Each structure stands twice: as C-alpha cells, then as structure tokens.
Protein backbone atom coordinates (compact mmCIF):
# COMPACT_ATOMS: atom_id res chain seq x y z
CA UNK A 1 45.34 -132.74 -142.37
CA UNK A 2 47.85 -135.52 -141.93
CA UNK A 3 49.46 -136.57 -138.70
CA UNK A 4 52.31 -134.32 -137.68
CA UNK A 5 55.95 -135.34 -137.58
CA UNK A 6 57.70 -133.64 -134.65
CA UNK A 7 61.31 -133.49 -133.51
CA UNK A 8 63.45 -131.20 -131.33
CA UNK A 9 67.08 -130.12 -131.08
CA UNK A 10 69.02 -127.80 -128.76
CA UNK A 11 71.04 -125.05 -130.43
CA UNK A 12 73.81 -123.16 -128.65
CA UNK A 13 72.44 -119.66 -129.35
CA UNK A 14 69.65 -117.38 -128.19
CA UNK A 15 66.19 -117.37 -129.76
CA UNK A 16 66.83 -114.17 -131.75
CA UNK A 17 69.88 -115.71 -133.47
CA UNK A 18 67.95 -118.89 -134.29
CA UNK A 19 64.93 -116.96 -135.59
CA UNK A 20 67.19 -114.75 -137.75
CA UNK A 21 68.42 -117.86 -139.58
CA UNK A 22 64.86 -119.24 -139.89
CA UNK A 23 63.68 -115.93 -141.41
CA UNK A 24 66.56 -115.77 -143.93
CA UNK A 25 64.75 -117.75 -146.64
CA UNK A 26 67.05 -116.92 -149.58
CA UNK A 27 69.88 -118.69 -147.67
CA UNK A 28 67.89 -121.94 -147.20
CA UNK A 29 69.56 -123.75 -150.14
CA UNK A 30 72.87 -123.33 -148.25
CA UNK A 31 71.72 -125.30 -145.19
CA UNK A 32 68.28 -126.90 -145.75
CA UNK A 33 69.30 -129.73 -148.06
CA UNK A 34 65.95 -130.33 -149.77
CA UNK A 35 65.25 -126.65 -150.51
CA UNK A 36 66.71 -125.76 -153.88
CA UNK A 37 65.30 -122.21 -153.97
CA UNK A 38 63.32 -119.92 -151.65
CA UNK A 39 61.94 -116.61 -152.89
CA UNK A 40 60.26 -114.07 -150.60
CA UNK A 41 57.07 -112.89 -152.32
CA UNK A 42 55.85 -110.49 -149.61
CA UNK A 43 56.79 -109.19 -146.17
CA UNK A 44 54.73 -108.06 -143.20
CA UNK A 45 54.76 -104.77 -141.31
CA UNK A 46 57.45 -106.23 -139.01
CA UNK A 47 59.74 -106.82 -142.01
CA UNK A 48 59.55 -110.59 -141.75
CA UNK A 49 58.50 -112.69 -144.73
CA UNK A 50 54.75 -113.34 -145.04
CA UNK A 51 54.70 -115.36 -148.25
CA UNK A 52 57.54 -117.46 -149.67
CA UNK A 53 57.77 -119.65 -152.78
CA UNK A 54 59.89 -122.80 -152.51
CA UNK A 55 61.41 -125.25 -154.93
CA UNK A 56 61.78 -128.52 -153.01
CA UNK A 57 63.54 -131.74 -153.96
CA UNK A 58 63.22 -134.28 -151.14
CA UNK A 59 63.55 -137.45 -153.18
CA UNK A 60 60.01 -138.82 -153.34
CA UNK A 61 58.58 -135.32 -152.84
CA UNK A 62 59.70 -132.73 -155.42
CA UNK A 63 57.57 -129.64 -155.96
CA UNK A 64 57.18 -125.85 -156.21
CA UNK A 65 54.71 -124.23 -153.81
CA UNK A 66 54.16 -121.11 -151.67
CA UNK A 67 53.71 -120.85 -147.90
CA UNK A 68 52.20 -118.10 -145.73
CA UNK A 69 54.00 -117.37 -142.44
CA UNK A 70 52.77 -116.12 -139.05
CA UNK A 71 55.48 -114.93 -136.67
CA UNK A 72 55.21 -114.65 -132.88
CA UNK A 73 58.22 -112.53 -131.90
CA UNK A 74 61.19 -114.90 -131.43
CA UNK A 75 58.99 -117.59 -129.86
CA UNK A 76 57.46 -119.30 -132.89
CA UNK A 77 56.71 -119.21 -136.56
CA UNK A 78 53.89 -121.15 -138.21
CA UNK A 79 53.23 -121.75 -141.87
CA UNK A 80 50.61 -123.19 -144.17
CA UNK A 81 50.42 -123.76 -147.88
CA UNK A 82 48.67 -121.02 -149.87
CA UNK A 83 49.72 -122.11 -153.36
CA UNK A 84 49.77 -125.91 -153.56
CA UNK A 85 52.13 -127.56 -155.97
CA UNK A 86 51.68 -130.53 -158.26
CA UNK A 87 52.52 -133.03 -155.50
CA UNK A 88 51.86 -131.16 -152.25
CA UNK A 89 48.19 -130.47 -151.60
CA UNK A 90 48.60 -129.55 -147.92
CA UNK A 91 51.64 -128.45 -145.94
CA UNK A 92 51.64 -126.93 -142.49
CA UNK A 93 54.22 -126.68 -139.77
CA UNK A 94 55.96 -124.65 -137.14
CA UNK A 95 59.20 -123.91 -135.36
CA UNK A 96 58.68 -123.40 -131.61
CA UNK A 97 61.62 -121.87 -129.73
CA UNK A 98 62.21 -122.11 -125.97
CA UNK A 99 65.11 -120.86 -123.83
CA UNK A 100 67.00 -123.67 -122.08
CA UNK A 101 69.53 -121.60 -120.14
CA UNK A 102 72.34 -122.95 -122.30
CA UNK A 103 70.75 -122.23 -125.65
CA UNK A 104 67.45 -122.66 -127.45
CA UNK A 105 65.34 -125.77 -127.83
CA UNK A 106 63.81 -125.79 -131.29
CA UNK A 107 60.80 -128.02 -131.95
CA UNK A 108 59.86 -128.54 -135.59
CA UNK A 109 56.39 -129.85 -136.49
CA UNK A 110 55.46 -130.76 -140.05
CA UNK A 111 52.37 -132.22 -141.70
CA UNK A 112 52.00 -132.83 -145.41
CA UNK A 113 49.37 -134.30 -147.70
CA UNK A 114 50.08 -135.26 -151.27
CA UNK A 115 47.98 -135.15 -154.41
CA UNK A 116 49.39 -138.51 -155.48
CA UNK A 117 48.71 -141.71 -153.57
CA UNK A 118 51.62 -142.74 -151.39
CA UNK A 119 51.90 -145.33 -148.67
CA UNK A 120 51.61 -143.65 -145.29
CA UNK A 121 54.81 -145.32 -144.17
CA UNK A 122 56.78 -143.80 -147.08
CA UNK A 123 55.23 -140.35 -146.59
CA UNK A 124 56.03 -140.36 -142.86
CA UNK A 125 59.61 -141.41 -143.60
CA UNK A 126 59.96 -138.51 -146.07
CA UNK A 127 58.53 -136.08 -143.47
CA UNK A 128 60.95 -137.42 -140.84
CA UNK A 129 63.92 -136.99 -143.19
CA UNK A 130 62.83 -133.41 -143.98
CA UNK A 131 62.39 -132.53 -140.28
CA UNK A 132 65.63 -134.16 -139.10
CA UNK A 133 67.69 -132.68 -141.95
CA UNK A 134 66.22 -129.21 -141.36
CA UNK A 135 66.94 -129.29 -137.62
CA UNK A 136 70.52 -130.49 -138.07
CA UNK A 137 71.11 -127.94 -140.83
CA UNK A 138 69.60 -125.15 -138.71
CA UNK A 139 71.83 -126.06 -135.76
CA UNK A 140 74.95 -126.14 -137.93
CA UNK A 141 74.05 -122.83 -139.60
CA UNK A 142 73.27 -120.96 -136.35
CA UNK A 143 76.23 -122.32 -134.39
CA UNK A 144 78.58 -121.71 -137.32
CA UNK A 145 77.81 -117.98 -137.53
C-alpha cells in the first residue's frame, strides 16, 4: 500500500453530527467536490452503510469503484476498496474523530495506488487535494446544518 496522506481540521459540532454527515453518502456530490455519485450497495446491522459505489472525478484520477466500510461508533470509520476501478487498484482510508471541548477534530487518512504509472509527486498532490477538499467540504456541510 502507498504512503498515507493525512490532514486534520476542527469542526464546530459534536462527533455524532460529524459522523451523520460522513455516513450520508448520497449527499456527497453536494459537498465532496470530486465525488460525482455515491450509491449505498449494502448496510450493516447498525443501519450504517457497509458497501458504497463511487463515481470520482479528481482531475488526474477519474474512476468508478466500491468501498467497504467499518464503523466504530462515532469515533472512526475506515474503508478499503473491494471493487477496484480502471485507475484505482488500491484505496484505503479513515476518518478519526476526537472531542476537543469546542468541537470535533477530524483526521482524514488516505492511501491510493493506481493501475497506471504516475509520478509519485503527482499522485501525492492528487491525494492531498482530495483530502483537503473533503475536510473543508465536511466542515462547511456540518457547520452549515
């Protein structure tokens, strides 16, 4: 697996409110700029999505793929690719949520490997753009509710 790109942001809401937005996959195209479509394929016993298919357009990385999710209450969610796309051969990541007293610190980790050769520098830049855009969009979405 590739090196992980990690970034954090503080959101002015509790963990449950943040996790509710993270779990609302059909709404991702409204706030996660690179996600053009997200379809829940299956849910777990807790009602949260277990498998989700995405259509992604992140400039140099455009693909359709499915991820499997593992939820840990309102503390974290981890995912890994279960149906690779034409470009993405590996994709894994997580949101880790921690109370700060004045909100929730959200740490986003992402690692991706591609089926096509790409300079590491370009791939890392694309990962960084995806992570930063997702965190800013998540913050805006949660705080705007």
